[in-house]
C-alpha atoms as a PDB file:
ATOM      1  CA  MET A   1     102.388 100.295 109.026  1.00  0.00           C
ATOM      2  CA  ARG A   2     102.775  96.867 110.569  1.00  0.00           C
ATOM      3  CA  THR A   3     104.682  93.967 109.026  1.00  0.00           C
ATOM      4  CA  CYS A   4     103.373  90.479 109.839  1.00  0.00           C
ATOM      5  CA  ARG A   5     105.426  87.354 109.218  1.00  0.00           C
ATOM      6  CA  THR A   6     102.981  84.593 110.184  1.00  0.00           C
ATOM      7  CA  ILE A   7      99.408  83.731 109.273  1.00  0.00           C
ATOM      8  CA  ALA A   8      98.314  83.757 112.916  1.00  0.00           C
ATOM      9  CA  GLU A   9      99.843  87.189 113.522  1.00  0.00           C
ATOM     10  CA  LEU A  10      98.121  88.715 110.497  1.00  0.00           C
ATOM     11  CA  ARG A  11      94.724  87.219 111.295  1.00  0.00           C
ATOM     12  CA  THR A  12      94.914  88.546 114.846  1.00  0.00           C
ATOM     13  CA  ALA A  13      95.965  92.007 113.619  1.00  0.00           C
ATOM     14  CA  LEU A  14      93.050  92.190 111.161  1.00  0.00           C
ATOM     15  CA  GLU A  15      90.357  91.188 113.655  1.00  0.00           C
ATOM     16  CA  SER A  16      89.639  94.762 114.721  1.00  0.00           C
ATOM     17  CA  HIS A  17      89.437  95.898 111.070  1.00  0.00           C
ATOM     18  CA  ARG A  18      86.745  93.486 109.875  1.00  0.00           C
ATOM     19  CA  THR A  19      83.954  96.046 110.182  1.00  0.00           C
ATOM     20  CA  GLY A  20      85.437  98.120 107.335  1.00  0.00           C
ATOM     21  CA  THR A  21      86.434  97.337 103.762  1.00  0.00           C
ATOM     22  CA  ILE A  22      89.715  95.428 103.427  1.00  0.00           C
ATOM     23  CA  GLY A  23      91.716  95.637 100.212  1.00  0.00           C
ATOM     24  CA  LEU A  24      94.545  93.280  99.233  1.00  0.00           C
ATOM     25  CA  VAL A  25      97.362  94.003  96.788  1.00  0.00           C
ATOM     26  CA  PRO A  26      99.365  90.792  96.203  1.00  0.00           C
ATOM     27  CA  THR A  27     102.978  91.428  95.146  1.00  0.00           C
ATOM     28  CA  MET A  28     106.283  89.614  94.891  1.00  0.00           C
ATOM     29  CA  GLY A  29     108.196  92.746  95.830  1.00  0.00           C
ATOM     30  CA  ALA A  30     110.639  94.709  93.661  1.00  0.00           C
ATOM     31  CA  LEU A  31     107.969  97.405  93.682  1.00  0.00           C
ATOM     32  CA  HIS A  32     107.621  99.905  90.852  1.00  0.00           C
ATOM     33  CA  ASP A  33     105.041 102.490  89.827  1.00  0.00           C
ATOM     34  CA  GLY A  34     102.735  99.785  88.489  1.00  0.00           C
ATOM     35  CA  HIS A  35     102.462  98.365  92.009  1.00  0.00           C
ATOM     36  CA  LEU A  36     102.049 101.881  93.344  1.00  0.00           C
ATOM     37  CA  ALA A  37      99.004 102.361  91.088  1.00  0.00           C
ATOM     38  CA  LEU A  38      97.428  99.270  92.658  1.00  0.00           C
ATOM     39  CA  LEU A  39      98.173 100.519  96.174  1.00  0.00           C
ATOM     40  CA  GLU A  40      96.721 103.924  95.379  1.00  0.00           C
ATOM     41  CA  ALA A  41      93.530 102.372  93.991  1.00  0.00           C
ATOM     42  CA  ALA A  42      93.194 100.234  97.130  1.00  0.00           C
ATOM     43  CA  ARG A  43      93.841 103.209  99.388  1.00  0.00           C
ATOM     44  CA  GLU A  44      91.067 105.183  97.683  1.00  0.00           C
ATOM     45  CA  GLU A  45      88.445 102.458  98.123  1.00  0.00           C
ATOM     46  CA  CYS A  46      89.324 100.650 101.328  1.00  0.00           C
ATOM     47  CA  GLU A  47      89.538 101.469 105.001  1.00  0.00           C
ATOM     48  CA  THR A  48      92.320  98.917 105.455  1.00  0.00           C
ATOM     49  CA  VAL A  49      94.999  98.093 102.858  1.00  0.00           C
ATOM     50  CA  VAL A  50      97.042  94.892 103.045  1.00  0.00           C
ATOM     51  CA  MET A  51      99.997  94.238 100.740  1.00  0.00           C
ATOM     52  CA  SER A  52     101.518  90.793 100.486  1.00  0.00           C
ATOM     53  CA  LEU A  53     105.259  90.579  99.886  1.00  0.00           C
ATOM     54  CA  PHE A  54     106.105  87.024  98.883  1.00  0.00           C
ATOM     55  CA  VAL A  55     108.163  85.617  96.014  1.00  0.00           C
ATOM     56  CA  ASN A  56     106.059  82.550  95.270  1.00  0.00           C
ATOM     57  CA  PRO A  57     108.340  79.652  94.274  1.00  0.00           C
ATOM     58  CA  THR A  58     105.549  77.468  92.880  1.00  0.00           C
ATOM     59  CA  GLN A  59     104.934  79.741  89.887  1.00  0.00           C
ATOM     60  CA  PHE A  60     108.538  79.537  88.665  1.00  0.00           C
ATOM     61  CA  GLU A  61     109.417  76.703  86.332  1.00  0.00           C
ATOM     62  CA  MET A  62     113.193  77.212  86.492  1.00  0.00           C
ATOM     63  CA  SER A  63     115.177  77.640  89.693  1.00  0.00           C
ATOM     64  CA  ALA A  64     117.505  80.117  87.948  1.00  0.00           C
ATOM     65  CA  ASP A  65     114.539  82.401  87.274  1.00  0.00           C
ATOM     66  CA  LEU A  66     113.413  82.137  90.895  1.00  0.00           C
ATOM     67  CA  ASN A  67     116.893  82.759  92.299  1.00  0.00           C
ATOM     68  CA  GLY A  68     117.446  85.711  89.966  1.00  0.00           C
ATOM     69  CA  TYR A  69     114.189  87.466  90.812  1.00  0.00           C
ATOM     70  CA  PRO A  70     115.029  90.948  92.217  1.00  0.00           C
ATOM     71  CA  ARG A  71     114.576  91.311  95.974  1.00  0.00           C
ATOM     72  CA  ASP A  72     114.939  94.359  98.221  1.00  0.00           C
ATOM     73  CA  GLU A  73     112.598  94.028 101.169  1.00  0.00           C
ATOM     74  CA  GLU A  74     113.815  97.116 103.004  1.00  0.00           C
ATOM     75  CA  ARG A  75     113.121  99.301  99.978  1.00  0.00           C
ATOM     76  CA  ASP A  76     109.729  97.653  99.369  1.00  0.00           C
ATOM     77  CA  LEU A  77     108.636  98.209 102.971  1.00  0.00           C
ATOM     78  CA  ALA A  78     109.599 101.878 102.775  1.00  0.00           C
ATOM     79  CA  ILE A  79     107.588 102.331  99.574  1.00  0.00           C
ATOM     80  CA  ALA A  80     104.588 100.516 101.066  1.00  0.00           C
ATOM     81  CA  ALA A  81     104.657 102.703 104.167  1.00  0.00           C
ATOM     82  CA  ASP A  82     104.876 105.847 102.055  1.00  0.00           C
ATOM     83  CA  ALA A  83     101.902 104.669  99.967  1.00  0.00           C
ATOM     84  CA  GLY A  84      99.743 104.365 103.069  1.00  0.00           C
ATOM     85  CA  VAL A  85      99.647 100.575 103.410  1.00  0.00           C
ATOM     86  CA  ASP A  86      98.347  99.440 106.806  1.00  0.00           C
ATOM     87  CA  PHE A  87      99.690  95.869 106.895  1.00  0.00           C
ATOM     88  CA  VAL A  88     102.385  94.043 104.955  1.00  0.00           C
ATOM     89  CA  PHE A  89     102.223  90.259 104.986  1.00  0.00           C
ATOM     90  CA  ALA A  90     105.749  88.962 104.346  1.00  0.00           C
ATOM     91  CA  PRO A  91     105.761  85.230 105.132  1.00  0.00           C
ATOM     92  CA  THR A  92     108.503  82.681 104.591  1.00  0.00           C
ATOM     93  CA  VAL A  93     108.146  79.863 102.082  1.00  0.00           C
ATOM     94  CA  ALA A  94     107.727  77.415 104.983  1.00  0.00           C
ATOM     95  CA  GLU A  95     104.845  79.496 106.349  1.00  0.00           C
ATOM     96  CA  MET A  96     102.966  79.333 103.049  1.00  0.00           C
ATOM     97  CA  TYR A  97     104.004  75.805 102.046  1.00  0.00           C
ATOM     98  CA  PRO A  98     104.630  73.819 105.225  1.00  0.00           C
ATOM     99  CA  PRO A  99     105.956  70.240 105.067  1.00  0.00           C
ATOM    100  CA  GLY A 100     103.368  67.909 103.582  1.00  0.00           C
ATOM    101  CA  PHE A 101     101.624  70.616 101.547  1.00  0.00           C
ATOM    102  CA  GLN A 102      99.786  68.902  98.679  1.00  0.00           C
ATOM    103  CA  THR A 103      96.699  70.933  97.738  1.00  0.00           C
ATOM    104  CA  TRP A 104      96.670  72.812  94.439  1.00  0.00           C
ATOM    105  CA  VAL A 105      94.258  74.938  92.417  1.00  0.00           C
ATOM    106  CA  ASP A 106      94.302  74.372  88.673  1.00  0.00           C
ATOM    107  CA  VAL A 107      92.175  76.562  86.391  1.00  0.00           C
ATOM    108  CA  THR A 108      92.457  74.055  83.597  1.00  0.00           C
ATOM    109  CA  GLU A 109      91.287  75.645  80.351  1.00  0.00           C
ATOM    110  CA  ILE A 110      92.297  79.284  80.746  1.00  0.00           C
ATOM    111  CA  GLY A 111      95.484  78.394  82.600  1.00  0.00           C
ATOM    112  CA  SER A 112      96.792  76.001  79.949  1.00  0.00           C
ATOM    113  CA  ALA A 113      96.595  78.342  76.938  1.00  0.00           C
ATOM    114  CA  LEU A 114      98.877  81.161  75.773  1.00  0.00           C
ATOM    115  CA  GLU A 115     101.528  81.740  78.474  1.00  0.00           C
ATOM    116  CA  GLY A 116     100.358  78.605  80.276  1.00  0.00           C
ATOM    117  CA  ALA A 117     101.356  76.477  77.284  1.00  0.00           C
ATOM    118  CA  PHE A 118     104.956  77.693  77.562  1.00  0.00           C
ATOM    119  CA  ARG A 119     105.136  77.750  81.382  1.00  0.00           C
ATOM    120  CA  PRO A 120     103.546  74.521  82.614  1.00  0.00           C
ATOM    121  CA  GLY A 121     102.379  74.846  86.209  1.00  0.00           C
ATOM    122  CA  HIS A 122     102.783  78.617  86.329  1.00  0.00           C
ATOM    123  CA  PHE A 123      99.117  79.489  86.705  1.00  0.00           C
ATOM    124  CA  ARG A 124      98.570  76.571  89.049  1.00  0.00           C
ATOM    125  CA  GLY A 125     101.114  78.197  91.354  1.00  0.00           C
ATOM    126  CA  VAL A 126      99.517  81.635  90.921  1.00  0.00           C
ATOM    127  CA  ALA A 127      95.991  80.391  91.599  1.00  0.00           C
ATOM    128  CA  THR A 128      97.068  78.345  94.621  1.00  0.00           C
ATOM    129  CA  VAL A 129      99.007  81.106  96.356  1.00  0.00           C
ATOM    130  CA  CYS A 130      96.296  83.691  95.624  1.00  0.00           C
ATOM    131  CA  LEU A 131      93.558  81.470  96.995  1.00  0.00           C
ATOM    132  CA  LYS A 132      95.606  80.928 100.152  1.00  0.00           C
ATOM    133  CA  LEU A 133      96.138  84.681 100.525  1.00  0.00           C
ATOM    134  CA  PHE A 134      92.403  85.241 100.027  1.00  0.00           C
ATOM    135  CA  ALA A 135      91.634  82.650 102.706  1.00  0.00           C
ATOM    136  CA  ILE A 136      94.117  84.152 105.173  1.00  0.00           C
ATOM    137  CA  ILE A 137      93.216  87.824 104.704  1.00  0.00           C
ATOM    138  CA  GLN A 138      89.557  87.549 103.623  1.00  0.00           C
ATOM    139  CA  PRO A 139      89.640  90.789 101.635  1.00  0.00           C
ATOM    140  CA  ASP A 140      86.601  92.505 100.173  1.00  0.00           C
ATOM    141  CA  LEU A 141      88.586  93.756  97.164  1.00  0.00           C
ATOM    142  CA  VAL A 142      91.772  92.489  95.478  1.00  0.00           C
ATOM    143  CA  TYR A 143      93.854  94.502  93.003  1.00  0.00           C
ATOM    144  CA  PHE A 144      95.788  93.276  89.965  1.00  0.00           C
ATOM    145  CA  GLY A 145      97.264  94.983  86.899  1.00  0.00           C
ATOM    146  CA  GLN A 146      95.846  94.650  83.395  1.00  0.00           C
ATOM    147  CA  LYS A 147      99.416  94.041  82.225  1.00  0.00           C
ATOM    148  CA  ASP A 148      99.055  90.424  83.377  1.00  0.00           C
ATOM    149  CA  ALA A 149      95.827  89.939  81.441  1.00  0.00           C
ATOM    150  CA  GLN A 150      95.806  86.136  81.447  1.00  0.00           C
ATOM    151  CA  GLN A 151      96.534  86.053  85.178  1.00  0.00           C
ATOM    152  CA  VAL A 152      93.556  88.349  85.756  1.00  0.00           C
ATOM    153  CA  GLU A 153      91.266  86.044  83.769  1.00  0.00           C
ATOM    154  CA  VAL A 154      92.562  82.944  85.559  1.00  0.00           C
ATOM    155  CA  LEU A 155      91.819  84.538  88.923  1.00  0.00           C
ATOM    156  CA  ARG A 156      88.423  85.847  87.814  1.00  0.00           C
ATOM    157  CA  ARG A 157      87.467  82.308  86.805  1.00  0.00           C
ATOM    158  CA  MET A 158      88.730  80.872  90.094  1.00  0.00           C
ATOM    159  CA  ILE A 159      86.793  83.478  92.099  1.00  0.00           C
ATOM    160  CA  SER A 160      83.643  82.727  90.107  1.00  0.00           C
ATOM    161  CA  ASP A 161      83.969  78.936  90.128  1.00  0.00           C
ATOM    162  CA  LEU A 162      84.652  78.764  93.865  1.00  0.00           C
ATOM    163  CA  ALA A 163      82.044  81.425  94.732  1.00  0.00           C
ATOM    164  CA  LEU A 164      84.554  83.514  96.673  1.00  0.00           C
ATOM    165  CA  ASP A 165      83.038  86.515  98.428  1.00  0.00           C
ATOM    166  CA  LEU A 166      85.322  89.198  97.010  1.00  0.00           C
ATOM    167  CA  GLU A 167      85.730  91.450  93.984  1.00  0.00           C
ATOM    168  CA  LEU A 168      88.737  91.688  91.672  1.00  0.00           C
ATOM    169  CA  ARG A 169      89.784  95.114  90.450  1.00  0.00           C
ATOM    170  CA  SER A 170      91.863  95.255  87.245  1.00  0.00           C
ATOM    171  CA  ILE A 171      93.943  98.462  87.119  1.00  0.00           C
ATOM    172  CA  PRO A 172      95.228  99.952  83.813  1.00  0.00           C
ATOM    173  CA  THR A 173      98.798  99.195  82.814  1.00  0.00           C
ATOM    174  CA  VAL A 174     101.480 101.709  83.791  1.00  0.00           C
ATOM    175  CA  ARG A 175     104.158 102.166  81.141  1.00  0.00           C
ATOM    176  CA  ASP A 176     107.635 103.582  80.933  1.00  0.00           C
ATOM    177  CA  ALA A 177     108.300 106.663  78.807  1.00  0.00           C
ATOM    178  CA  ASP A 178     109.155 104.472  75.796  1.00  0.00           C
ATOM    179  CA  GLY A 179     105.874 102.549  76.066  1.00  0.00           C
ATOM    180  CA  LEU A 180     107.150  99.347  77.705  1.00  0.00           C
ATOM    181  CA  ALA A 181     104.895  98.109  80.502  1.00  0.00           C
ATOM    182  CA  LEU A 182     106.584  98.356  83.897  1.00  0.00           C
ATOM    183  CA  SER A 183     107.743  95.019  85.283  1.00  0.00           C
ATOM    184  CA  SER A 184     110.091  93.962  88.040  1.00  0.00           C
ATOM    185  CA  ARG A 185     111.944  91.852  85.486  1.00  0.00           C
ATOM    186  CA  ASN A 186     112.680  94.796  83.169  1.00  0.00           C
ATOM    187  CA  ALA A 187     115.886  95.493  85.112  1.00  0.00           C
ATOM    188  CA  ARG A 188     117.224  92.181  83.780  1.00  0.00           C
ATOM    189  CA  LEU A 189     116.701  93.069  80.101  1.00  0.00           C
ATOM    190  CA  SER A 190     119.669  93.839  77.923  1.00  0.00           C
ATOM    191  CA  ALA A 191     119.485  96.855  75.619  1.00  0.00           C
ATOM    192  CA  ASP A 192     118.707  94.593  72.651  1.00  0.00           C
ATOM    193  CA  GLU A 193     116.055  92.642  74.587  1.00  0.00           C
ATOM    194  CA  ARG A 194     114.370  95.865  75.638  1.00  0.00           C
ATOM    195  CA  ARG A 195     114.387  97.135  72.048  1.00  0.00           C
ATOM    196  CA  ARG A 196     112.710  93.929  70.865  1.00  0.00           C
ATOM    197  CA  ALA A 197     110.211  94.029  73.739  1.00  0.00           C
ATOM    198  CA  LEU A 198     109.021  97.443  72.560  1.00  0.00           C
ATOM    199  CA  ALA A 199     107.423  95.700  69.574  1.00  0.00           C
ATOM    200  CA  LEU A 200     104.658  94.539  71.942  1.00  0.00           C
ATOM    201  CA  PRO A 201     103.189  97.956  72.866  1.00  0.00           C
ATOM    202  CA  GLU A 202     103.692  99.159  69.288  1.00  0.00           C
ATOM    203  CA  HIS A 203     101.766  96.174  67.916  1.00  0.00           C
ATOM    204  CA  SER A 204      99.015  96.682  70.495  1.00  0.00           C
ATOM    205  CA  ARG A 205      98.726 100.334  69.511  1.00  0.00           C
ATOM    206  CA  LEU A 206      98.252  99.378  65.864  1.00  0.00           C
ATOM    207  CA  VAL A 207      95.719  96.573  66.318  1.00  0.00           C
ATOM    208  CA  MET A 208      93.613  97.926  69.202  1.00  0.00           C
ATOM    209  CA  PRO A 209      90.486  99.753  67.973  1.00  0.00           C
ATOM    210  CA  GLN A 210      90.411 103.499  68.535  1.00  0.00           C
ATOM    211  CA  PRO A 211      87.266 105.328  69.751  1.00  0.00           C
ATOM    212  CA  HIS A 212      85.345 107.056  66.933  1.00  0.00           C
ATOM    213  CA  GLY A 213      87.049 110.332  66.072  1.00  0.00           C
ATOM    214  CA  ALA A 214      90.091 109.629  68.253  1.00  0.00           C
ATOM    215  CA  ARG A 215      93.589 110.031  66.907  1.00  0.00           C
ATOM    216  CA  SER A 216      96.209 107.303  67.235  1.00  0.00           C
ATOM    217  CA  LYS A 217      98.717 107.912  69.984  1.00  0.00           C
ATOM    218  CA  THR A 218     102.348 106.972  70.111  1.00  0.00           C
ATOM    219  CA  PRO A 219     103.480 104.807  73.029  1.00  0.00           C
ATOM    220  CA  ALA A 220     105.196 107.811  74.584  1.00  0.00           C
ATOM    221  CA  SER A 221     102.054 109.944  74.430  1.00  0.00           C
ATOM    222  CA  THR A 222      99.843 107.234  75.908  1.00  0.00           C
ATOM    223  CA  SER A 223     102.164 106.966  78.880  1.00  0.00           C
ATOM    224  CA  THR A 224     102.448 110.619  79.853  1.00  0.00           C
ATOM    225  CA  THR A 225     101.091 109.980  83.331  1.00  0.00           C
ATOM    226  CA  SER A 226     103.024 106.749  83.647  1.00  0.00           C
ATOM    227  CA  SER A 227     106.359 108.308  82.724  1.00  0.00           C
ATOM    228  CA  ARG A 228     105.844 111.071  85.272  1.00  0.00           C
ATOM    229  CA  ARG A 229     105.076 108.517  87.947  1.00  0.00           C
ATOM    230  CA  ARG A 230     107.981 106.342  86.906  1.00  0.00           C
ATOM    231  CA  SER A 231     110.399 108.945  88.230  1.00  0.00           C
ATOM    232  CA  THR A 232     108.849 108.865  91.698  1.00  0.00           C
ATOM    233  CA  LEU A 233     110.380 105.539  92.667  1.00  0.00           C
ATOM    234  CA  PRO A 234     114.055 104.638  92.740  1.00  0.00           C
ATOM    235  CA  CYS A 235     115.008 101.839  90.396  1.00  0.00           C
ATOM    236  CA  SER A 236     115.482  98.486  92.046  1.00  0.00           C
ATOM    237  CA  PRO A 237     119.033  97.337  91.300  1.00  0.00           C
ATOM    238  CA  PRO A 238     119.546  94.099  89.377  1.00  0.00           C
ATOM    239  CA  PRO A 239     120.466  91.047  91.466  1.00  0.00           C
ATOM    240  CA  SER A 240     124.167  91.501  90.783  1.00  0.00           C
ATOM    241  CA  ALA A 241     124.266  95.091  92.017  1.00  0.00           C
ATOM    242  CA  SER A 242     126.221  95.801  95.164  1.00  0.00           C
ATOM    243  CA  ALA A 243     124.184  98.718  96.530  1.00  0.00           C
ATOM    244  CA  GLN A 244     124.120  98.993 100.293  1.00  0.00           C
ATOM    245  CA  PRO A 245     120.888  97.853 101.933  1.00  0.00           C
ATOM    246  CA  GLY A 246     118.654 100.776 102.742  1.00  0.00           C
ATOM    247  CA  SER A 247     120.252 103.159 100.260  1.00  0.00           C
ATOM    248  CA  SER A 248     117.213 102.983  97.979  1.00  0.00           C
ATOM    249  CA  THR A 249     114.974 103.617 100.963  1.00  0.00           C
ATOM    250  CA  THR A 250     116.736 106.879 101.699  1.00  0.00           C
ATOM    251  CA  SER A 251     116.425 107.959  98.079  1.00  0.00           C
ATOM    252  CA  HIS A 252     112.741 107.094  98.072  1.00  0.00           C
ATOM    253  CA  SER A 253     111.953 109.211 101.101  1.00  0.00           C
ATOM    254  CA  LYS A 254     113.542 112.245  99.450  1.00  0.00           C
ATOM    255  CA  GLU A 255     112.060 111.841  95.988  1.00  0.00           C
ATOM    256  CA  LYS A 256     108.467 111.058  96.879  1.00  0.00           C
ATOM    257  CA  PRO A 257     107.012 112.916  99.877  1.00  0.00           C
ATOM    258  CA  HIS A 258     103.841 111.485 101.342  1.00  0.00           C
ATOM    259  CA  GLU A 259     101.884 114.717 100.920  1.00  0.00           C
ATOM    260  CA  HIS A 260     101.812 114.295  97.120  1.00  0.00           C
ATOM    261  CA  HIS A 261      99.820 111.046  97.270  1.00  0.00           C
ATOM    262  CA  ALA A 262      96.383 112.676  97.408  1.00  0.00           C
ATOM    263  CA  THR A 263      97.010 114.719  94.258  1.00  0.00           C
ATOM    264  CA  ARG A 264      98.458 111.747  92.391  1.00  0.00           C
ATOM    265  CA  ARG A 265      95.586 109.499  93.466  1.00  0.00           C
ATOM    266  CA  LYS A 266      93.066 112.013  92.093  1.00  0.00           C
ATOM    267  CA  ALA A 267      94.956 112.250  88.794  1.00  0.00           C
ATOM    268  CA  ARG A 268      95.076 108.459  88.446  1.00  0.00           C
ATOM    269  CA  ALA A 269      91.360 108.135  89.249  1.00  0.00           C
ATOM    270  CA  ALA A 270      90.534 110.766  86.617  1.00  0.00           C
ATOM    271  CA  GLY A 271      92.727 108.961  84.084  1.00  0.00           C
ATOM    272  CA  ALA A 272      91.040 105.642  84.821  1.00  0.00           C
ATOM    273  CA  ARG A 273      87.629 107.246  84.305  1.00  0.00           C
ATOM    274  CA  ARG A 274      88.736 108.663  80.959  1.00  0.00           C
ATOM    275  CA  ASP A 275      90.086 105.262  79.869  1.00  0.00           C
ATOM    276  CA  GLU A 276      86.815 103.570  80.825  1.00  0.00           C
ATOM    277  CA  ALA A 277      84.785 106.222  78.975  1.00  0.00           C
ATOM    278  CA  SER A 278      86.920 105.677  75.858  1.00  0.00           C
ATOM    279  CA  ARG A 279      86.479 101.907  76.049  1.00  0.00           C
ATOM    280  CA  ARG A 280      82.717 102.303  76.533  1.00  0.00           C
ATOM    281  CA  GLU A 281      82.510 104.700  73.583  1.00  0.00           C
ATOM    282  CA  ASP A 282      84.419 102.240  71.402  1.00  0.00           C
ATOM    283  CA  ARG A 283      82.191  99.333  72.398  1.00  0.00           C
ATOM    284  CA  ASP A 284      79.032 101.359  71.746  1.00  0.00           C
ATOM    285  CA  GLY A 285      80.344 102.549  68.394  1.00  0.00           C
ATOM    286  CA  HIS A 286      81.223  98.982  67.388  1.00  0.00           C
ATOM    287  CA  ARG A 287      77.727  97.755  68.291  1.00  0.00           C
ATOM    288  CA  LEU A 288      76.101 100.592  66.329  1.00  0.00           C
ATOM    289  CA  ARG A 289      78.209  99.899  63.232  1.00  0.00           C
ATOM    290  CA  HIS A 290      77.471  96.175  63.517  1.00  0.00           C
ATOM    291  CA  SER A 291      73.713  96.756  63.804  1.00  0.00           C
ATOM    292  CA  ARG A 292      73.760  99.065  60.755  1.00  0.00           C
ATOM    293  CA  ARG A 293      75.593  96.440  58.683  1.00  0.00           C
ATOM    294  CA  THR A 294      73.044  93.827  59.770  1.00  0.00           C
ATOM    295  CA  VAL A 295      70.119  96.055  58.708  1.00  0.00           C
ATOM    296  CA  ARG A 296      71.716  96.756  55.326  1.00  0.00           C
ATOM    297  CA  ARG A 297      72.364  93.051  54.713  1.00  0.00           C
ATOM    298  CA  GLY A 298      68.734  92.291  55.665  1.00  0.00           C
ATOM    299  CA  ARG A 299      67.425  94.814  53.140  1.00  0.00           C
ATOM    300  CA  ARG A 300      69.525  93.350  50.342  1.00  0.00           C
ATOM    301  CA  CYS A 301      68.227  89.851  51.062  1.00  0.00           C
ATOM    302  CA  ARG A 302      64.521  90.817  50.740  1.00  0.00           C
ATOM    303  CA  PRO A 303      62.783  89.325  47.626  1.00  0.00           C
END
């Protein structure tokens, strides 16, 4: 694995790989098993896998949130290497936003609703940095998690509107054993905040339609694969922790040998296929029920 710090260095390194498929997994570091799922999906489909490692300051509204974001580059690089990443792009802020930078991408309608209404400028920062990464790397495929659903839709719209020659892959959410979606920020939650956050997956479980004949699942049962994978990565310490640099890297190399990746990739691919089949079955069942109701209403309305 090669780590590139500048745009010019990365472009030169990728020149000899342009004949094959290039996949990009954008991250801000503090890697967890959710990121690992993205890397595994990219590794399965692409000849060359690039991971960006950049805490993007333009998507943070408050400096305290930016400064408190967990960072452990040494650990992240070790995880990326173990996952089979070919190139890590880890630029400085000055490399991505040089003096005089003044060009922004604003996906106006989708980016201003929901989370965008509470975090003004957030999706402008996301769209801008992602477009710059796409321009630098020129990937064929880019990978994002379904957990950040609005972000996925913002980027889909940007890709469509600007006619970018790439495809976006949305990978199913990876959850902890208690059902909470994995996030780099989870380490900063208090016990009470985590308890309240668990209302989100529980609510989703209750309101999401189930395939015909399927039984409802508890958050723990829906995350069987996720909870197993959660144990494969060492936890990133919160910003105030005083762990020695590199200690997590050593733990990672012991807990997660490289030879297990192939088996885990196959299991994840099979799980993704099952999820897609369930969603397709649900959509088809909904359409069938809707068409039957329409026919019945039409019969009642006949003179």
